[in-house]
Amino acid sequence: MKYVRFSKNNRNLFGVLEGETITQLDGDFLSGTAKSTGDTFHLEEVTLLAPVDPRQVVAIGLNYALHAEESGKPIPDEPMMFMVSPTSVVADGDEIILPNLEHRIDYEAELAIVIGKQAKNVQIEEALDYVFGYTACNDVSDRNLQKKDGQFTRAKSFATFKPLGPVIETDLNPNNVEIKLTVNGEVRQHSNTDDLIHDIESLIVKVTEVMTLNPGDIIITGTPSGVGPLKPGDDVVLEIEGIGQLRNKVVDGTKGTNRPAEETQSA
C-alpha cells in the first residue's frame, strides 16, 4: 500500500494512493488508527509533501561494496552511522538548492526505512516488525565540507539536501529492489539493494543498539556506486522499484532563490 502526505486548500493531509487517486485518511497513518474519510482527490489536484516528517534522520555510509571501492575506502565491519538534520528534508518536485557553486555537491540514491513503532535494542528476527514502510531519498552531499570536517553532518544537512518521497510503500522486499538515478535523462546510478553490505534488518538492529527510534524516524541506507556532482539546471530522478519516482530540479542558491524548507513542503 502506498501512503502519502499532501496539501490541499492550505491543509496538510494524509492519504492512501491507488493509481492516480488519493483517498484521504482522518489522521496520520503512522498512528495505526487512521481511517478513510471517503474523500478522494486526483494527484493533479494536490501538492505532495515529503511522505513523513521525521524527528530523526539516521544515515548509513559506505553500505554498497562498489561505492566503497569508488571512494577508495575499506568496507566497514559495522554500519557507519551518522545523523542528518531533519530540516534538510523536502518533497518530490521541490528544488535542490546549491548554496555554494564552488563546492562539489553530489547526488546519492538511497532507500529509506520509515520506522512504524518505537524501537530500542531490536532483535534481528523482529527487525522488520518495526518498519512502517519504505521511501526514496536523495542524500545530497557537499564533498568539500565533508572532507574539511572529517564527518558528515554539516555536509549533508543544508536545507533541501534530503529530497524524500514520493510515497511510503509498505509492501516491499527491501533487500531486493532495483534502484536507479538519472540526471537529465542519463543513467548515473543503477543497482539493487541485494548488493547492500549490511542488510535492512542488520541496520535496524545496530542503530537501535545506540538510540531509540520513534514512528516517523527514518534510516537512509547508503548509496550504490556512480555518485557524481550536481549543477544548476539538472533534472534529477531517483526511481526505486515499487516506490516510484522522486524528481527534483537543481537550482543556484547564490542568487537569492533560497527559502525556508517548510515553505517548500506546503502549497
Protein backbone atom coordinates (compact mmCIF):
# COMPACT_ATOMS: atom_id res chain seq x y z
CA MET A 1 0.00 0.00 0.00
CA LYS A 2 1.21 3.50 -0.84
CA TYR A 3 0.78 6.23 1.78
CA VAL A 4 1.19 9.95 1.13
CA ARG A 5 1.16 13.31 2.85
CA PHE A 6 -0.32 16.07 0.73
CA SER A 7 -1.51 19.65 0.79
CA LYS A 8 -4.96 20.75 -0.35
CA ASN A 9 -6.54 24.17 0.29
CA ASN A 10 -3.69 25.07 2.67
CA ARG A 11 -4.31 21.96 4.78
CA ASN A 12 -1.71 19.22 5.26
CA LEU A 13 -3.46 15.87 4.95
CA PHE A 14 -2.79 12.12 4.90
CA GLY A 15 -3.94 9.56 2.39
CA VAL A 16 -3.60 6.30 0.51
CA LEU A 17 -2.60 6.42 -3.16
CA GLU A 18 -4.08 3.98 -5.66
CA GLY A 19 -3.14 4.71 -9.24
CA GLU A 20 -3.73 8.46 -9.65
CA THR A 21 -6.31 8.73 -6.85
CA ILE A 22 -5.69 9.65 -3.21
CA THR A 23 -8.19 8.53 -0.58
CA GLN A 24 -7.97 10.88 2.39
CA LEU A 25 -7.45 9.50 5.90
CA ASP A 26 -8.80 11.09 9.08
CA GLY A 27 -5.37 11.31 10.67
CA ASP A 28 -1.70 10.35 10.50
CA PHE A 29 -1.24 6.88 9.01
CA LEU A 30 1.61 6.30 11.46
CA SER A 31 -0.90 6.26 14.31
CA GLY A 32 -2.23 2.89 13.17
CA THR A 33 -5.81 4.06 13.73
CA ALA A 34 -6.41 6.37 10.74
CA LYS A 35 -9.47 5.53 8.66
CA SER A 36 -10.78 6.67 5.30
CA THR A 37 -12.88 9.84 5.28
CA GLY A 38 -14.38 8.84 1.94
CA ASP A 39 -12.97 11.95 0.25
CA THR A 40 -10.82 11.38 -2.83
CA PHE A 41 -8.52 13.59 -4.88
CA HIS A 42 -6.71 13.19 -8.17
CA LEU A 43 -2.94 13.63 -7.92
CA GLU A 44 -3.14 16.72 -10.12
CA GLU A 45 -5.45 18.41 -7.57
CA VAL A 46 -2.95 18.31 -4.69
CA THR A 47 0.66 19.01 -3.80
CA LEU A 48 2.58 16.04 -2.48
CA LEU A 49 4.61 16.69 0.66
CA ALA A 50 7.53 14.65 1.92
CA PRO A 51 5.71 11.46 2.95
CA VAL A 52 6.96 11.66 6.52
CA ASP A 53 8.17 14.46 8.81
CA PRO A 54 10.97 12.76 10.76
CA ARG A 55 12.32 13.86 14.10
CA GLN A 56 15.49 11.85 13.47
CA VAL A 57 17.30 11.09 10.21
CA VAL A 58 19.94 8.38 10.68
CA ALA A 59 22.22 7.89 7.69
CA ILE A 60 24.46 4.96 6.82
CA GLY A 61 27.70 5.44 4.91
CA LEU A 62 29.57 3.08 2.57
CA ASN A 63 26.93 0.37 2.53
CA TYR A 64 27.40 -0.83 -1.06
CA ALA A 65 30.68 -2.58 -1.88
CA LEU A 66 31.20 -0.84 -5.23
CA HIS A 67 30.61 2.58 -3.69
CA ALA A 68 33.20 1.85 -1.00
CA GLU A 69 35.57 0.84 -3.80
CA GLU A 70 34.97 4.01 -5.85
CA SER A 71 35.50 6.05 -2.66
CA GLY A 72 38.82 4.31 -2.01
CA LYS A 73 37.75 3.21 1.45
CA PRO A 74 37.63 -0.21 3.13
CA ILE A 75 34.32 -1.97 3.64
CA PRO A 76 33.17 -1.20 7.21
CA ASP A 77 32.76 -4.16 9.59
CA GLU A 78 29.73 -2.48 11.14
CA PRO A 79 27.29 0.05 9.70
CA MET A 80 28.85 3.50 9.64
CA MET A 81 26.10 5.73 11.03
CA PHE A 82 25.73 9.47 11.42
CA MET A 83 22.94 12.00 11.96
CA VAL A 84 21.46 14.45 9.48
CA SER A 85 19.22 17.40 10.31
CA PRO A 86 15.54 16.67 9.56
CA THR A 87 15.20 20.30 8.40
CA SER A 88 17.02 19.22 5.22
CA VAL A 89 14.00 17.14 4.09
CA VAL A 90 11.95 18.33 1.11
CA ALA A 91 9.41 16.69 -1.17
CA ASP A 92 9.06 15.31 -4.65
CA GLY A 93 9.01 18.26 -7.05
CA ASP A 94 10.81 20.64 -4.70
CA GLU A 95 14.06 22.29 -5.72
CA ILE A 96 17.51 21.18 -4.58
CA ILE A 97 19.21 24.48 -3.78
CA LEU A 98 23.00 24.60 -4.13
CA PRO A 99 24.36 27.14 -1.62
CA ASN A 100 27.94 27.20 -2.95
CA LEU A 101 28.67 26.57 -6.63
CA GLU A 102 32.42 26.34 -5.95
CA HIS A 103 31.87 23.16 -3.95
CA ARG A 104 31.33 19.70 -5.37
CA ILE A 105 27.80 18.74 -4.32
CA ASP A 106 26.81 15.16 -5.20
CA TYR A 107 23.60 13.18 -5.60
CA GLU A 108 23.23 9.84 -3.77
CA ALA A 109 20.30 7.49 -4.48
CA GLU A 110 19.15 5.70 -1.33
CA LEU A 111 16.36 3.53 0.03
CA ALA A 112 14.92 4.98 3.25
CA ILE A 113 13.39 2.92 6.07
CA VAL A 114 10.40 4.55 7.78
CA ILE A 115 10.03 3.39 11.38
CA GLY A 116 6.49 2.47 12.44
CA LYS A 117 6.77 1.96 16.20
CA GLN A 118 9.18 2.78 18.99
CA ALA A 119 12.32 0.70 18.59
CA LYS A 120 15.20 0.10 21.02
CA ASN A 121 17.53 -2.91 21.22
CA VAL A 122 15.64 -4.67 18.45
CA GLN A 123 16.44 -8.34 17.78
CA ILE A 124 17.21 -9.24 14.18
CA GLU A 125 14.36 -11.74 13.80
CA GLU A 126 11.89 -8.98 14.78
CA ALA A 127 13.53 -6.08 12.95
CA LEU A 128 11.04 -5.75 10.10
CA ASP A 129 8.16 -5.66 12.59
CA TYR A 130 9.30 -2.14 13.48
CA VAL A 131 9.14 -0.87 9.90
CA PHE A 132 6.11 1.03 8.64
CA GLY A 133 7.37 1.12 5.07
CA TYR A 134 9.98 2.45 2.67
CA THR A 135 10.55 5.52 0.56
CA ALA A 136 13.25 7.04 -1.65
CA CYS A 137 15.83 9.59 -0.52
CA ASN A 138 18.40 11.60 -2.47
CA ASP A 139 21.22 12.08 0.04
CA VAL A 140 22.68 15.29 -1.43
CA SER A 141 26.19 15.87 -0.05
CA ASP A 142 28.73 18.71 -0.09
CA ARG A 143 32.02 16.87 -0.61
CA ASN A 144 34.20 19.90 0.15
CA LEU A 145 32.70 20.26 3.61
CA GLN A 146 32.68 16.51 4.16
CA LYS A 147 36.44 16.42 3.53
CA LYS A 148 37.11 19.56 5.55
CA ASP A 149 35.10 18.48 8.60
CA GLY A 150 36.12 14.83 8.61
CA GLN A 151 32.48 13.95 9.38
CA PHE A 152 29.23 14.28 7.52
CA THR A 153 26.59 16.24 9.42
CA ARG A 154 27.22 19.73 8.03
CA ALA A 155 27.89 18.46 4.51
CA LYS A 156 24.52 16.71 4.33
CA SER A 157 22.21 18.93 6.41
CA PHE A 158 21.65 22.02 4.27
CA ALA A 159 18.02 22.92 3.55
CA THR A 160 16.74 20.90 0.55
CA PHE A 161 19.61 18.35 0.71
CA LYS A 162 17.29 15.42 1.54
CA PRO A 163 14.51 15.05 -1.04
CA LEU A 164 12.20 12.30 0.19
CA GLY A 165 9.28 10.53 -1.46
CA PRO A 166 7.06 10.43 -3.33
CA VAL A 167 5.24 7.77 -1.24
CA ILE A 168 5.78 5.30 1.57
CA GLU A 169 5.36 1.77 0.22
CA THR A 170 4.50 -0.87 2.82
CA ASP A 171 4.55 -3.94 0.56
CA LEU A 172 8.21 -4.25 -0.41
CA ASN A 173 11.12 -6.66 -0.06
CA PRO A 174 13.73 -4.06 0.92
CA ASN A 175 16.70 -6.36 0.40
CA ASN A 176 15.90 -6.95 -3.28
CA VAL A 177 14.66 -3.85 -5.10
CA GLU A 178 16.11 -2.06 -8.10
CA ILE A 179 17.41 1.46 -7.52
CA LYS A 180 18.24 3.90 -10.31
CA LEU A 181 19.10 7.57 -10.58
CA THR A 182 19.21 9.67 -13.74
CA VAL A 183 20.43 13.22 -14.31
CA ASN A 184 18.87 14.93 -17.33
CA GLY A 185 17.75 11.51 -18.55
CA GLU A 186 21.21 9.93 -18.33
CA VAL A 187 21.57 6.93 -16.00
CA ARG A 188 24.19 7.67 -13.34
CA GLN A 189 23.39 5.02 -10.71
CA HIS A 190 21.80 1.63 -11.29
CA SER A 191 21.93 -1.16 -8.72
CA ASN A 192 19.88 -3.37 -6.45
CA THR A 193 19.61 -3.47 -2.68
CA ASP A 194 20.67 -7.13 -2.79
CA ASP A 195 24.16 -5.56 -3.03
CA LEU A 196 23.92 -3.95 0.41
CA ILE A 197 26.84 -4.79 2.71
CA HIS A 198 24.61 -4.58 5.79
CA ASP A 199 21.01 -5.56 5.06
CA ILE A 200 17.91 -3.77 6.31
CA GLU A 201 17.43 -5.97 9.38
CA SER A 202 21.06 -5.53 10.44
CA LEU A 203 20.82 -1.75 10.12
CA ILE A 204 17.78 -1.60 12.38
CA VAL A 205 19.49 -3.80 14.97
CA LYS A 206 22.70 -1.74 15.01
CA VAL A 207 21.01 1.66 15.06
CA THR A 208 18.67 0.68 17.90
CA GLU A 209 21.59 -0.61 19.95
CA VAL A 210 22.60 3.05 20.13
CA MET A 211 19.40 5.09 20.12
CA THR A 212 15.64 4.88 20.39
CA LEU A 213 13.76 5.32 17.13
CA ASN A 214 10.17 6.56 17.08
CA PRO A 215 7.39 6.40 14.49
CA GLY A 216 8.28 8.57 11.52
CA ASP A 217 12.04 8.45 12.07
CA ILE A 218 13.99 7.31 9.04
CA ILE A 219 17.17 5.40 8.31
CA ILE A 220 18.72 6.10 4.91
CA THR A 221 20.61 3.00 3.96
CA GLY A 222 23.57 4.02 1.80
CA THR A 223 24.10 4.64 -1.89
CA PRO A 224 25.38 2.44 -4.73
CA SER A 225 28.29 3.35 -6.98
CA GLY A 226 28.07 6.10 -9.56
CA VAL A 227 27.78 9.18 -7.34
CA GLY A 228 28.60 12.44 -9.04
CA PRO A 229 28.18 16.22 -8.96
CA LEU A 230 25.08 18.32 -9.49
CA LYS A 231 24.81 21.69 -11.22
CA PRO A 232 22.05 24.26 -11.59
CA GLY A 233 19.50 23.22 -14.19
CA ASP A 234 19.91 19.48 -13.61
CA ASP A 235 16.76 17.37 -13.51
CA VAL A 236 17.36 14.51 -11.07
CA VAL A 237 15.09 11.47 -10.99
CA LEU A 238 15.51 8.73 -8.38
CA GLU A 239 13.43 5.63 -9.06
CA ILE A 240 13.08 2.69 -6.69
CA GLU A 241 11.16 -0.40 -7.74
CA GLY A 242 7.76 -0.49 -6.06
CA ILE A 243 8.02 3.07 -4.72
CA GLY A 244 8.09 5.24 -7.83
CA GLN A 245 9.97 8.30 -9.00
CA LEU A 246 11.35 11.13 -6.86
CA ARG A 247 12.03 14.08 -9.16
CA ASN A 248 13.80 17.32 -8.22
CA LYS A 249 15.26 20.25 -10.13
CA VAL A 250 18.63 21.71 -9.11
CA VAL A 251 18.90 25.49 -8.75
CA ASP A 252 21.56 28.08 -7.92
CA GLY A 253 21.19 29.13 -4.29
CA THR A 254 23.64 32.03 -4.59
CA LYS A 255 21.14 34.25 -6.42
CA GLY A 256 18.55 34.73 -3.73
CA THR A 257 16.42 31.70 -4.64
CA ASN A 258 16.75 30.09 -1.21
CA ARG A 259 13.69 29.90 1.03
CA PRO A 260 12.77 28.17 4.30
CA ALA A 261 12.38 24.40 3.98
CA GLU A 262 8.88 24.46 5.46
CA GLU A 263 7.69 26.67 2.60
CA THR A 264 8.89 24.11 0.05
CA GLN A 265 6.64 21.50 1.64
CA SER A 266 3.35 23.38 1.61
CA ALA A 267 1.10 24.69 -1.09
